[in-house]
Structures are given as C-alpha cells and as structure tokens.
C-alpha atoms as a PDB file:
ATOM      1  CA  MET A   1       8.303 -15.502   1.013  1.00  0.00           C
ATOM      2  CA  LEU A   2       8.154 -19.076   3.581  1.00  0.00           C
ATOM      3  CA  TYR A   3      10.516 -20.412   0.592  1.00  0.00           C
ATOM      4  CA  ALA A   4      13.057 -17.945   0.172  1.00  0.00           C
ATOM      5  CA  TYR A   5      13.172 -17.597   3.486  1.00  0.00           C
ATOM      6  CA  ARG A   6      12.982 -20.884   4.903  1.00  0.00           C
ATOM      7  CA  ASP A   7      13.814 -23.340   2.199  1.00  0.00           C
ATOM      8  CA  ALA A   8      16.163 -21.489   0.462  1.00  0.00           C
ATOM      9  CA  ASP A   9      18.857 -23.348   1.547  1.00  0.00           C
ATOM     10  CA  GLU A  10      17.418 -27.131   0.188  1.00  0.00           C
ATOM     11  CA  SER A  11      16.324 -25.732  -3.281  1.00  0.00           C
ATOM     12  CA  PRO A  12      17.749 -27.309  -6.470  1.00  0.00           C
ATOM     13  CA  ILE A  13      17.345 -24.205  -8.041  1.00  0.00           C
ATOM     14  CA  PRO A  14      19.396 -21.098  -6.709  1.00  0.00           C
ATOM     15  CA  VAL A  15      17.313 -18.342  -4.772  1.00  0.00           C
ATOM     16  CA  THR A  16      18.761 -15.392  -5.115  1.00  0.00           C
ATOM     17  CA  MET A  17      15.915 -12.666  -3.996  1.00  0.00           C
ATOM     18  CA  LEU A  18      12.428 -12.054  -3.333  1.00  0.00           C
ATOM     19  CA  PHE A  19      10.170  -9.959  -4.786  1.00  0.00           C
ATOM     20  CA  GLU A  20       6.831 -10.723  -2.872  1.00  0.00           C
ATOM     21  CA  ALA A  21       3.454  -8.805  -3.363  1.00  0.00           C
ATOM     22  CA  VAL A  22       0.542  -8.330  -0.621  1.00  0.00           C
ATOM     23  CA  GLY A  23       1.879 -11.184   0.964  1.00  0.00           C
ATOM     24  CA  PRO A  24       1.411 -11.315   4.645  1.00  0.00           C
ATOM     25  CA  SER A  25       4.631 -12.067   7.088  1.00  0.00           C
ATOM     26  CA  SER A  26       3.093 -12.498  10.740  1.00  0.00           C
ATOM     27  CA  PHE A  27      -0.268 -13.135  12.545  1.00  0.00           C
ATOM     28  CA  TYR A  28      -1.195 -10.821  15.411  1.00  0.00           C
ATOM     29  CA  ALA A  29      -4.568  -9.847  16.047  1.00  0.00           C
ATOM     30  CA  GLU A  30      -3.559  -5.998  17.330  1.00  0.00           C
ATOM     31  CA  ASP A  31      -2.237  -5.893  13.370  1.00  0.00           C
ATOM     32  CA  TRP A  32      -4.961  -7.025  11.342  1.00  0.00           C
ATOM     33  CA  THR A  33      -7.303  -4.113  12.135  1.00  0.00           C
ATOM     34  CA  THR A  34      -9.191  -3.838   8.901  1.00  0.00           C
ATOM     35  CA  TYR A  35     -10.851  -7.308   9.954  1.00  0.00           C
ATOM     36  CA  GLY A  36     -11.476  -6.314  13.638  1.00  0.00           C
ATOM     37  CA  LEU A  37      -9.530  -8.732  14.739  1.00  0.00           C
ATOM     38  CA  ASP A  38      -7.883  -6.740  17.352  1.00  0.00           C
ATOM     39  CA  GLN A  39     -11.159  -6.176  19.160  1.00  0.00           C
ATOM     40  CA  ASN A  40     -12.479 -10.060  18.789  1.00  0.00           C
ATOM     41  CA  ALA A  41      -9.976 -12.626  19.970  1.00  0.00           C
ATOM     42  CA  GLU A  42     -12.408 -15.494  19.134  1.00  0.00           C
ATOM     43  CA  ALA A  43     -12.158 -14.094  15.548  1.00  0.00           C
ATOM     44  CA  ALA A  44      -8.577 -13.995  15.387  1.00  0.00           C
ATOM     45  CA  ALA A  45      -7.972 -17.125  16.612  1.00  0.00           C
ATOM     46  CA  TYR A  46     -10.658 -19.065  14.162  1.00  0.00           C
ATOM     47  CA  LEU A  47      -9.061 -17.238  10.971  1.00  0.00           C
ATOM     48  CA  PHE A  48      -5.516 -17.724  12.110  1.00  0.00           C
ATOM     49  CA  GLY A  49      -5.844 -21.015  12.511  1.00  0.00           C
ATOM     50  CA  VAL A  50      -7.545 -21.758   9.318  1.00  0.00           C
ATOM     51  CA  MET A  51      -4.322 -20.149   7.744  1.00  0.00           C
ATOM     52  CA  ALA A  52      -2.476 -22.068   9.933  1.00  0.00           C
ATOM     53  CA  GLY A  53      -4.338 -25.475   9.364  1.00  0.00           C
ATOM     54  CA  THR A  54      -5.053 -26.123  12.804  1.00  0.00           C
ATOM     55  CA  GLU A  55      -7.302 -24.971  15.891  1.00  0.00           C
ATOM     56  CA  ILE A  56      -6.424 -22.383  17.662  1.00  0.00           C
ATOM     57  CA  ASN A  57      -7.646 -21.485  21.203  1.00  0.00           C
ATOM     58  CA  VAL A  58      -8.074 -18.550  22.084  1.00  0.00           C
ATOM     59  CA  ASP A  59      -6.311 -18.465  25.451  1.00  0.00           C
ATOM     60  CA  VAL A  60      -2.962 -19.268  23.209  1.00  0.00           C
ATOM     61  CA  LEU A  61      -2.876 -15.779  21.706  1.00  0.00           C
ATOM     62  CA  GLY A  62      -0.126 -13.962  22.695  1.00  0.00           C
ATOM     63  CA  THR A  63       1.487 -16.748  24.794  1.00  0.00           C
ATOM     64  CA  ASP A  64       4.978 -18.185  23.287  1.00  0.00           C
ATOM     65  CA  GLU A  65       2.868 -21.634  22.165  1.00  0.00           C
ATOM     66  CA  TYR A  66       0.861 -19.403  19.670  1.00  0.00           C
ATOM     67  CA  GLU A  67       4.212 -17.998  18.351  1.00  0.00           C
ATOM     68  CA  GLU A  68       5.392 -21.985  17.796  1.00  0.00           C
ATOM     69  CA  ILE A  69       2.125 -22.618  15.838  1.00  0.00           C
ATOM     70  CA  ILE A  70       2.094 -19.843  13.533  1.00  0.00           C
ATOM     71  CA  LYS A  71       6.048 -19.996  12.813  1.00  0.00           C
ATOM     72  CA  PRO A  72       5.045 -22.301   9.793  1.00  0.00           C
ATOM     73  CA  ILE A  73       3.273 -19.450   8.536  1.00  0.00           C
ATOM     74  CA  SER A  74       5.057 -16.580   9.107  1.00  0.00           C
ATOM     75  CA  GLY A  75       7.491 -15.763   6.873  1.00  0.00           C
ATOM     76  CA  TYR A  76       9.218 -13.033   9.155  1.00  0.00           C
ATOM     77  CA  MET A  77       9.988 -15.620  11.168  1.00  0.00           C
ATOM     78  CA  TRP A  78      12.509 -17.611   8.984  1.00  0.00           C
ATOM     79  CA  VAL A  79      14.955 -14.276   8.565  1.00  0.00           C
ATOM     80  CA  THR A  80      18.204 -14.184   8.941  1.00  0.00           C
ATOM     81  CA  ASP A  81      21.247 -12.949   8.197  1.00  0.00           C
ATOM     82  CA  ASN A  82      22.005 -15.005   4.767  1.00  0.00           C
ATOM     83  CA  SER A  83      18.310 -14.124   3.563  1.00  0.00           C
ATOM     84  CA  VAL A  84      17.811 -13.290   0.110  1.00  0.00           C
ATOM     85  CA  PRO A  85      17.564  -9.435  -0.992  1.00  0.00           C
ATOM     86  CA  THR A  86      13.884  -8.890  -0.778  1.00  0.00           C
ATOM     87  CA  VAL A  87      11.503  -6.475  -2.669  1.00  0.00           C
ATOM     88  CA  CYS A  88       7.887  -6.436  -0.512  1.00  0.00           C
ATOM     89  CA  ALA A  89       5.300  -4.640  -2.676  1.00  0.00           C
ATOM     90  CA  TYR A  90       2.063  -3.316  -0.704  1.00  0.00           C
ATOM     91  CA  GLY A  91      -1.146  -1.240  -1.873  1.00  0.00           C
ATOM     92  CA  VAL A  92      -1.945   1.904   0.053  1.00  0.00           C
ATOM     93  CA  TYR A  93      -5.559   0.968   0.224  1.00  0.00           C
ATOM     94  CA  ASP A  94      -5.370  -2.989   0.264  1.00  0.00           C
ATOM     95  CA  LYS A  95      -8.124  -3.837   2.758  1.00  0.00           C
ATOM     96  CA  VAL A  96      -7.083  -7.297   2.068  1.00  0.00           C
ATOM     97  CA  CYS A  97      -3.872  -8.194   3.485  1.00  0.00           C
ATOM     98  CA  PRO A  98      -3.499  -5.538   6.357  1.00  0.00           C
ATOM     99  CA  PHE A  99       0.057  -3.671   6.438  1.00  0.00           C
ATOM    100  CA  GLY A 100       0.548  -4.056  10.028  1.00  0.00           C
ATOM    101  CA  SER A 101       1.009  -7.436   9.130  1.00  0.00           C
ATOM    102  CA  VAL A 102       3.917  -6.620   7.186  1.00  0.00           C
ATOM    103  CA  LYS A 103       5.690  -4.222  10.151  1.00  0.00           C
ATOM    104  CA  TRP A 104       7.723  -6.652  11.708  1.00  0.00           C
ATOM    105  CA  MET A 105       9.612  -7.639   8.322  1.00  0.00           C
ATOM    106  CA  VAL A 106      11.366  -4.091   9.242  1.00  0.00           C
ATOM    107  CA  ASN A 107      11.691  -4.673  13.162  1.00  0.00           C
ATOM    108  CA  GLY A 108      10.873  -1.414  14.463  1.00  0.00           C
ATOM    109  CA  THR A 109      12.705   0.666  11.680  1.00  0.00           C
ATOM    110  CA  GLY A 110       9.667   2.501   9.945  1.00  0.00           C
ATOM    111  CA  VAL A 111       6.890   1.812  12.164  1.00  0.00           C
ATOM    112  CA  PRO A 112       5.035   5.275  13.636  1.00  0.00           C
ATOM    113  CA  ALA A 113       3.411   5.082  17.055  1.00  0.00           C
ATOM    114  CA  SER A 114       0.133   4.611  14.983  1.00  0.00           C
ATOM    115  CA  LYS A 115       0.837   1.126  14.132  1.00  0.00           C
ATOM    116  CA  TYR A 116       0.749   0.095  17.849  1.00  0.00           C
ATOM    117  CA  PRO A 117      -2.426   2.440  19.296  1.00  0.00           C
ATOM    118  CA  ALA A 118      -3.159  -0.352  21.530  1.00  0.00           C
ATOM    119  CA  LEU A 119       0.332  -0.459  23.508  1.00  0.00           C
ATOM    120  CA  LEU A 120      -0.351   3.642  24.012  1.00  0.00           C
ATOM    121  CA  GLU A 121      -3.523   2.824  25.238  1.00  0.00           C
ATOM    122  CA  HIS A 122      -2.408   0.886  27.506  1.00  0.00           C
ATOM    123  CA  PHE A 123       0.212   3.031  29.234  1.00  0.00           C
ATOM    124  CA  ALA A 124      -2.311   5.827  29.344  1.00  0.00           C
ATOM    125  CA  SER A 125      -5.150   3.376  31.213  1.00  0.00           C
ATOM    126  CA  TRP A 126      -1.978   3.233  33.846  1.00  0.00           C
ATOM    127  CA  GLY A 127      -2.727   7.157  34.070  1.00  0.00           C
ATOM    128  CA  PHE A 128       0.442   8.294  32.260  1.00  0.00           C
ATOM    129  CA  ILE A 129      -0.131  10.870  29.574  1.00  0.00           C
ATOM    130  CA  VAL A 130       1.658   8.930  26.550  1.00  0.00           C
ATOM    131  CA  ILE A 131       2.645  10.715  23.131  1.00  0.00           C
ATOM    132  CA  GLY A 132       4.466   8.797  19.840  1.00  0.00           C
ATOM    133  CA  ASN A 133       5.078  10.136  16.736  1.00  0.00           C
ATOM    134  CA  GLU A 134       5.228   9.087  13.148  1.00  0.00           C
ATOM    135  CA  GLN A 135       8.821   9.710  12.550  1.00  0.00           C
ATOM    136  CA  GLU A 136       9.693   6.419  10.863  1.00  0.00           C
ATOM    137  CA  PHE A 137      13.903   6.568  11.972  1.00  0.00           C
ATOM    138  CA  SER A 138      14.204   7.417  15.174  1.00  0.00           C
ATOM    139  CA  TRP A 139      17.734   6.795  16.534  1.00  0.00           C
ATOM    140  CA  GLN A 140      18.952  10.477  16.726  1.00  0.00           C
ATOM    141  CA  GLY A 141      16.280  10.591  19.279  1.00  0.00           C
ATOM    142  CA  ASP A 142      15.123  13.882  17.690  1.00  0.00           C
ATOM    143  CA  GLY A 143      11.652  13.025  17.086  1.00  0.00           C
ATOM    144  CA  ALA A 144      11.522  12.188  20.500  1.00  0.00           C
ATOM    145  CA  ASP A 145      12.623  15.445  21.811  1.00  0.00           C
ATOM    146  CA  ALA A 146      10.229  17.226  19.559  1.00  0.00           C
ATOM    147  CA  SER A 147       7.602  15.298  20.749  1.00  0.00           C
ATOM    148  CA  LEU A 148       8.752  16.237  24.471  1.00  0.00           C
ATOM    149  CA  ASP A 149       8.837  19.659  23.474  1.00  0.00           C
ATOM    150  CA  TYR A 150       5.141  19.958  21.838  1.00  0.00           C
ATOM    151  CA  LEU A 151       3.379  18.701  25.111  1.00  0.00           C
ATOM    152  CA  LEU A 152       5.603  21.000  27.439  1.00  0.00           C
ATOM    153  CA  HIS A 153       4.257  23.638  25.034  1.00  0.00           C
ATOM    154  CA  GLU A 154       0.851  22.222  25.253  1.00  0.00           C
ATOM    155  CA  ASN A 155       1.090  22.279  29.409  1.00  0.00           C
ATOM    156  CA  GLU A 156       1.163  26.132  28.804  1.00  0.00           C
ATOM    157  CA  ASN A 157      -1.447  26.641  26.321  1.00  0.00           C
ATOM    158  CA  THR A 158      -4.760  27.718  28.299  1.00  0.00           C
ATOM    159  CA  SER A 159      -6.764  26.438  25.574  1.00  0.00           C
ATOM    160  CA  SER A 160      -5.586  22.726  25.448  1.00  0.00           C
ATOM    161  CA  VAL A 161      -6.437  19.718  26.920  1.00  0.00           C
ATOM    162  CA  PHE A 162      -2.963  19.141  28.240  1.00  0.00           C
ATOM    163  CA  TYR A 163      -3.156  22.811  30.295  1.00  0.00           C
ATOM    164  CA  GLY A 164      -1.279  22.237  33.268  1.00  0.00           C
ATOM    165  CA  LYS A 165      -1.188  18.809  33.464  1.00  0.00           C
ATOM    166  CA  ILE A 166       2.086  17.590  32.602  1.00  0.00           C
ATOM    167  CA  ASP A 167       4.252  16.592  35.414  1.00  0.00           C
ATOM    168  CA  THR A 168       7.449  18.036  34.526  1.00  0.00           C
ATOM    169  CA  GLU A 169       9.314  16.448  37.047  1.00  0.00           C
ATOM    170  CA  ASN A 170       8.305  12.697  36.635  1.00  0.00           C
ATOM    171  CA  ILE A 171       8.960  11.834  32.723  1.00  0.00           C
ATOM    172  CA  GLY A 172       9.993   8.410  31.084  1.00  0.00           C
ATOM    173  CA  ILE A 173      10.942   7.440  27.507  1.00  0.00           C
ATOM    174  CA  VAL A 174      10.425   3.888  26.186  1.00  0.00           C
ATOM    175  CA  GLY A 175      11.905   2.997  22.679  1.00  0.00           C
ATOM    176  CA  HIS A 176      12.160  -0.400  20.894  1.00  0.00           C
ATOM    177  CA  SER A 177      14.978  -1.553  18.789  1.00  0.00           C
ATOM    178  CA  GLN A 178      16.111   1.462  16.607  1.00  0.00           C
ATOM    179  CA  GLY A 179      13.918   2.987  19.333  1.00  0.00           C
ATOM    180  CA  GLY A 180      16.054   2.127  21.547  1.00  0.00           C
ATOM    181  CA  VAL A 181      18.892   3.755  20.154  1.00  0.00           C
ATOM    182  CA  GLY A 182      16.664   6.883  20.389  1.00  0.00           C
ATOM    183  CA  VAL A 183      16.250   6.034  23.872  1.00  0.00           C
ATOM    184  CA  PHE A 184      19.434   6.400  24.783  1.00  0.00           C
ATOM    185  CA  ASN A 185      20.415   9.858  22.666  1.00  0.00           C
ATOM    186  CA  ALA A 186      17.096  11.324  23.707  1.00  0.00           C
ATOM    187  CA  THR A 187      18.138  11.095  27.390  1.00  0.00           C
ATOM    188  CA  THR A 188      22.162  12.725  26.957  1.00  0.00           C
ATOM    189  CA  THR A 189      22.515  14.370  24.064  1.00  0.00           C
ATOM    190  CA  GLU A 190      18.657  16.611  22.413  1.00  0.00           C
ATOM    191  CA  SER A 191      17.615  19.809  24.143  1.00  0.00           C
ATOM    192  CA  HIS A 192      15.668  17.980  26.804  1.00  0.00           C
ATOM    193  CA  ALA A 193      17.950  15.378  27.690  1.00  0.00           C
ATOM    194  CA  ASP A 194      17.919  16.528  31.291  1.00  0.00           C
ATOM    195  CA  LEU A 195      14.018  16.265  31.852  1.00  0.00           C
ATOM    196  CA  TYR A 196      13.899  12.644  31.656  1.00  0.00           C
ATOM    197  CA  LYS A 197      13.919  11.004  34.998  1.00  0.00           C
ATOM    198  CA  ALA A 198      13.845   7.394  33.924  1.00  0.00           C
ATOM    199  CA  ALA A 199      14.213   5.315  30.834  1.00  0.00           C
ATOM    200  CA  ALA A 200      13.536   1.578  28.848  1.00  0.00           C
ATOM    201  CA  ALA A 201      15.169   0.211  25.961  1.00  0.00           C
ATOM    202  CA  LEU A 202      13.461  -2.771  24.480  1.00  0.00           C
ATOM    203  CA  SER A 203      15.933  -4.929  22.308  1.00  0.00           C
ATOM    204  CA  PRO A 204      17.998  -1.631  21.823  1.00  0.00           C
ATOM    205  CA  THR A 205      20.434  -2.220  18.667  1.00  0.00           C
ATOM    206  CA  SER A 206      24.072  -3.069  19.790  1.00  0.00           C
ATOM    207  CA  GLU A 207      26.769  -0.748  19.661  1.00  0.00           C
ATOM    208  CA  THR A 208      28.533  -2.789  16.831  1.00  0.00           C
ATOM    209  CA  VAL A 209      25.453  -3.020  14.930  1.00  0.00           C
ATOM    210  CA  ALA A 210      24.474   0.562  15.314  1.00  0.00           C
ATOM    211  CA  GLY A 211      28.271   1.817  14.441  1.00  0.00           C
ATOM    212  CA  ASN A 212      27.715  -0.296  11.172  1.00  0.00           C
ATOM    213  CA  LEU A 213      24.412   1.787  10.452  1.00  0.00           C
ATOM    214  CA  ASN A 214      26.200   5.366  11.416  1.00  0.00           C
ATOM    215  CA  TRP A 215      23.489   5.127  14.549  1.00  0.00           C
ATOM    216  CA  SER A 216      25.964   6.583  16.995  1.00  0.00           C
ATOM    217  CA  TYR A 217      25.579   6.440  20.958  1.00  0.00           C
ATOM    218  CA  ASP A 218      27.261   7.142  24.050  1.00  0.00           C
ATOM    219  CA  ILE A 219      25.505   4.706  26.299  1.00  0.00           C
ATOM    220  CA  SER A 220      28.395   5.236  28.897  1.00  0.00           C
ATOM    221  CA  ALA A 221      26.380   8.894  29.122  1.00  0.00           C
ATOM    222  CA  VAL A 222      23.040   7.938  30.249  1.00  0.00           C
ATOM    223  CA  SER A 223      22.666   8.078  34.098  1.00  0.00           C
ATOM    224  CA  ILE A 224      19.087   7.773  34.848  1.00  0.00           C
ATOM    225  CA  PRO A 225      17.589   4.783  35.868  1.00  0.00           C
ATOM    226  CA  MET A 226      17.293   2.369  32.893  1.00  0.00           C
ATOM    227  CA  LEU A 227      15.509  -1.031  32.251  1.00  0.00           C
ATOM    228  CA  MET A 228      16.723  -3.103  29.456  1.00  0.00           C
ATOM    229  CA  ILE A 229      14.731  -5.981  27.963  1.00  0.00           C
ATOM    230  CA  THR A 230      15.917  -8.431  25.271  1.00  0.00           C
ATOM    231  CA  GLY A 231      14.849 -11.731  23.764  1.00  0.00           C
ATOM    232  CA  THR A 232      16.847 -14.763  23.159  1.00  0.00           C
ATOM    233  CA  ALA A 233      15.564 -15.993  19.716  1.00  0.00           C
ATOM    234  CA  GLU A 234      18.061 -16.511  17.070  1.00  0.00           C
ATOM    235  CA  PHE A 235      17.602 -13.406  14.652  1.00  0.00           C
ATOM    236  CA  GLU A 236      17.701 -10.913  18.057  1.00  0.00           C
ATOM    237  CA  VAL A 237      20.825 -12.570  19.396  1.00  0.00           C
ATOM    238  CA  ASN A 238      22.668 -13.077  16.286  1.00  0.00           C
ATOM    239  CA  SER A 239      21.720  -9.812  14.215  1.00  0.00           C
ATOM    240  CA  VAL A 240      20.316  -7.122  16.493  1.00  0.00           C
ATOM    241  CA  ILE A 241      22.085  -7.616  20.466  1.00  0.00           C
ATOM    242  CA  PRO A 242      23.985 -10.592  21.556  1.00  0.00           C
ATOM    243  CA  TYR A 243      23.902 -11.344  25.187  1.00  0.00           C
ATOM    244  CA  GLU A 244      27.494 -10.378  25.487  1.00  0.00           C
ATOM    245  CA  GLU A 245      26.794  -7.305  23.782  1.00  0.00           C
ATOM    246  CA  LEU A 246      23.788  -6.577  26.528  1.00  0.00           C
ATOM    247  CA  CYS A 247      26.218  -7.289  29.422  1.00  0.00           C
ATOM    248  CA  THR A 248      28.879  -4.609  27.548  1.00  0.00           C
ATOM    249  CA  MET A 249      26.257  -1.805  27.086  1.00  0.00           C
ATOM    250  CA  TYR A 250      24.643  -2.959  30.738  1.00  0.00           C
ATOM    251  CA  ALA A 251      28.097  -2.585  32.715  1.00  0.00           C
ATOM    252  CA  LYS A 252      28.597   1.460  30.793  1.00  0.00           C
ATOM    253  CA  LEU A 253      25.439   1.971  32.782  1.00  0.00           C
ATOM    254  CA  SER A 254      26.171   4.341  35.803  1.00  0.00           C
ATOM    255  CA  GLY A 255      22.720   4.579  37.329  1.00  0.00           C
ATOM    256  CA  ASP A 256      20.169   2.597  38.855  1.00  0.00           C
ATOM    257  CA  LYS A 257      19.382  -0.401  36.412  1.00  0.00           C
ATOM    258  CA  VAL A 258      18.242  -3.723  35.483  1.00  0.00           C
ATOM    259  CA  MET A 259      18.401  -6.050  32.763  1.00  0.00           C
ATOM    260  CA  ALA A 260      16.713  -9.345  31.684  1.00  0.00           C
ATOM    261  CA  ARG A 261      16.041 -11.386  28.463  1.00  0.00           C
ATOM    262  CA  ARG A 262      12.566 -13.237  27.934  1.00  0.00           C
ATOM    263  CA  THR A 263      13.493 -16.300  27.085  1.00  0.00           C
ATOM    264  CA  GLY A 264      12.606 -17.518  23.441  1.00  0.00           C
ATOM    265  CA  ALA A 265      11.325 -14.060  22.487  1.00  0.00           C
ATOM    266  CA  ALA A 266      11.696 -12.520  19.072  1.00  0.00           C
ATOM    267  CA  HIS A 267      13.049  -9.253  18.324  1.00  0.00           C
ATOM    268  CA  GLU A 268      10.277  -7.887  17.524  1.00  0.00           C
ATOM    269  CA  ARG A 269       8.047  -9.210  20.214  1.00  0.00           C
ATOM    270  CA  THR A 270       9.934  -7.833  23.207  1.00  0.00           C
ATOM    271  CA  LEU A 271       7.873  -4.623  22.391  1.00  0.00           C
ATOM    272  CA  TYR A 272       4.780  -6.599  23.681  1.00  0.00           C
ATOM    273  CA  LYS A 273       6.436  -9.417  25.985  1.00  0.00           C
ATOM    274  CA  ALA A 274       7.769  -6.812  28.421  1.00  0.00           C
ATOM    275  CA  THR A 275       5.200  -4.209  28.684  1.00  0.00           C
ATOM    276  CA  GLY A 276       4.217  -5.526  32.510  1.00  0.00           C
ATOM    277  CA  TYR A 277       7.282  -4.889  32.928  1.00  0.00           C
ATOM    278  CA  VAL A 278       7.789  -1.614  31.385  1.00  0.00           C
ATOM    279  CA  THR A 279       4.757  -0.073  32.951  1.00  0.00           C
ATOM    280  CA  ALA A 280       5.892  -1.704  36.930  1.00  0.00           C
ATOM    281  CA  TRP A 281       9.132   0.281  36.046  1.00  0.00           C
ATOM    282  CA  PHE A 282       7.447   3.785  35.346  1.00  0.00           C
ATOM    283  CA  MET A 283       4.644   3.452  38.129  1.00  0.00           C
ATOM    284  CA  TRP A 284       7.994   3.339  40.433  1.00  0.00           C
ATOM    285  CA  GLN A 285       9.995   5.326  39.245  1.00  0.00           C
ATOM    286  CA  LEU A 286       7.753   8.020  38.020  1.00  0.00           C
ATOM    287  CA  LEU A 287       4.883   7.686  40.498  1.00  0.00           C
ATOM    288  CA  GLY A 288       6.451   5.834  43.358  1.00  0.00           C
ATOM    289  CA  ASP A 289       4.287   3.568  43.326  1.00  0.00           C
ATOM    290  CA  LYS A 290       5.724   0.745  46.325  1.00  0.00           C
ATOM    291  CA  GLU A 291       3.582  -2.089  45.057  1.00  0.00           C
ATOM    292  CA  ALA A 292       5.000  -1.445  41.584  1.00  0.00           C
ATOM    293  CA  ALA A 293       8.744  -1.622  43.329  1.00  0.00           C
ATOM    294  CA  LYS A 294       8.616  -5.125  44.299  1.00  0.00           C
ATOM    295  CA  ALA A 295       8.603  -6.166  40.545  1.00  0.00           C
ATOM    296  CA  PHE A 296      12.497  -5.101  41.074  1.00  0.00           C
ATOM    297  CA  VAL A 297      13.372  -4.298  44.539  1.00  0.00           C
ATOM    298  CA  GLY A 298      15.305  -6.977  46.751  1.00  0.00           C
ATOM    299  CA  GLU A 299      16.393 -10.122  46.870  1.00  0.00           C
ATOM    300  CA  ASP A 300      12.933 -11.448  46.544  1.00  0.00           C
ATOM    301  CA  ALA A 301      12.291  -9.171  43.234  1.00  0.00           C
ATOM    302  CA  GLU A 302       9.656 -10.566  41.608  1.00  0.00           C
ATOM    303  CA  ILE A 303      11.594 -10.049  38.094  1.00  0.00           C
ATOM    304  CA  LEU A 304      14.056 -12.571  40.093  1.00  0.00           C
ATOM    305  CA  ASN A 305      11.639 -15.670  40.135  1.00  0.00           C
ATOM    306  CA  ASN A 306       9.932 -15.067  36.836  1.00  0.00           C
ATOM    307  CA  GLU A 307      10.374 -18.117  34.990  1.00  0.00           C
ATOM    308  CA  LEU A 308       9.637 -16.482  31.631  1.00  0.00           C
ATOM    309  CA  TYR A 309      12.692 -14.798  32.128  1.00  0.00           C
ATOM    310  CA  GLN A 310      16.638 -15.192  32.154  1.00  0.00           C
ATOM    311  CA  ASP A 311      19.622 -13.547  32.921  1.00  0.00           C
ATOM    312  CA  VAL A 312      18.496 -10.774  35.046  1.00  0.00           C
ATOM    313  CA  ASP A 313      20.315  -8.443  37.031  1.00  0.00           C
ATOM    314  CA  LYS A 314      20.167  -5.453  38.377  1.00  0.00           C
ATOM    315  CA  ASN A 315      22.593  -2.919  40.783  1.00  0.00           C
ATOM    316  CA  PHE A 316      20.104  -2.198  43.851  1.00  0.00           C
END
C-alpha cells in the first residue's frame, strides 16, 4: 500500500494497480477496538510506536505532531488524485486488522455511525440526544430524515425511553464529507427540513465534485445557522473542497454562518479535530449557552484567536 501510493512515481517498474489484503491504512486508537486501544492510551502509544519504529509519548496522541509521526506508515495519507486503482480485501471476522483502521480510505463514504461511537458518546455527554444510522451513502439526506422521523415517533410513544424527551424546537444536524452534502439536503429538501434549527458541515464535498458524482444540492437554500469547518491538507484542498470553492459556498449561505479551516488537518480528521467547536456551536444555537457563544460571538471571539485555525470568517 505504501509503495503503491508513496513511491509509484519513482518505481523502476510501472505500478498500475494495487490489490491489498488485510493491511491497516491508519493508526488511530479509536478504530482499534479489537485490541482495546480505544480504552487504553498507553497501550495505543506503545503498539503504534512499535509499528512506526519510534517511541510515541501518550501526550502526542490526537495532535498534529502525532499525524507526522504515523504518516510514514499510514497508507491513506499518501493517497492523491493520481493514485493507482485499488482493491482492498478484509475479513468480516478478522480480529488482527480492525476494519475501522481502513475507513479513512473511503473518507466518510461507506462509514456508518457504528464506526465512531466515541464521537456520538461525546455529544451525548453534553446533554444532547444523539442519533446516527448505518446508511453508507448519505448525500441525499434521506437517512438523516428517517432517523429524525424515528425519534419524533419515539417522542410520542409512551413505552419509549425517549417519550416526551425530544425538544422538537431545538434540533441540530452535523455531517462529514459526503455527510456534509447530506446536511445541506436534509435541511432543505427532506420532509423534516423545517425542524432543524442549526447545522454543521465538516469538510463537505464541494459543489463541483458533488456535481461530478451526481450528488446534487443547493446550498443557497440553506437558511439556518451553519458552521463549516474544513482542513488544509493536500487531499482535502485538491480533491474534496478547495479553499476557493469553500468561500463560494459560504457566500451562498443566507443565515448566520461561520467558516474556518483547521490548519494542517487531513480530510478524514476534521470529523474529530473540529469536535470542540461543533459542541460549542450546538450548545449555543440549541441550548442558548452564553459561555459557548463566546467561541463565535464578537470581535474577540475565541475562534478568531485560535492559532490552530485559519481563514476564519463569520457574519455576526
């Protein structure tokens, strides 16, 4: 995998395709659940350090420094527009190579909610009722709409744990990559579009790329408050959402809005690196939390002074 993606251009023999079996493409503790590494940072640092051939301090896990440490062994980080066609094969019951370690190869597409339980648990820990689904192609927004419909029915079901607990006046939605397109469509074209109060789109597929894939959406129809965060890594800006297109899409939004780019963040990592601001966004927009609002409101808003972010813009 590494040779095909990283060294193919310099290979003395032309590399025309890759067939890869049960090899991990990434090394993030939350994906290595079969080893329990999602529950043990020390074990994760040790094992990934062995694989990388260097000692890894627990404190660098989840940082940009960690991204650089594991890049030499992370196949997905070397994927570009010119990478060779690839077939990856994995076993359903394989406990040696966790399939979660391969999800970054598909950049959000084909990744159901069950692949990132820690993220859902994080939002729930802040008092939100959180729902995801197992839909692997989410651009239409119909899966999100069906999930919301289910919760609305449970809210009326006297035997449900959710009976009377859904605040139908404060509903938000967040999506990553193709899921970002799903956010735009769920809030504009689906049957429950009018129920959403705020939204967040992380590294959403640009209008040009989405058009080429027949993932149609009209971002100018989005009128609710929108937080858009992307990264600046090569694949992100060359293949998913170039900065110029991000600005164009942002300009089309008619409601309250915030745009920012996480410096150095790869496309697949914005889902996690933006969690703090996504949490603050919904705490403010849905729950009226004044402390959370400080991250975005005013000339001294926290996000404007965060050195980890660049190209920040907002209209309030």
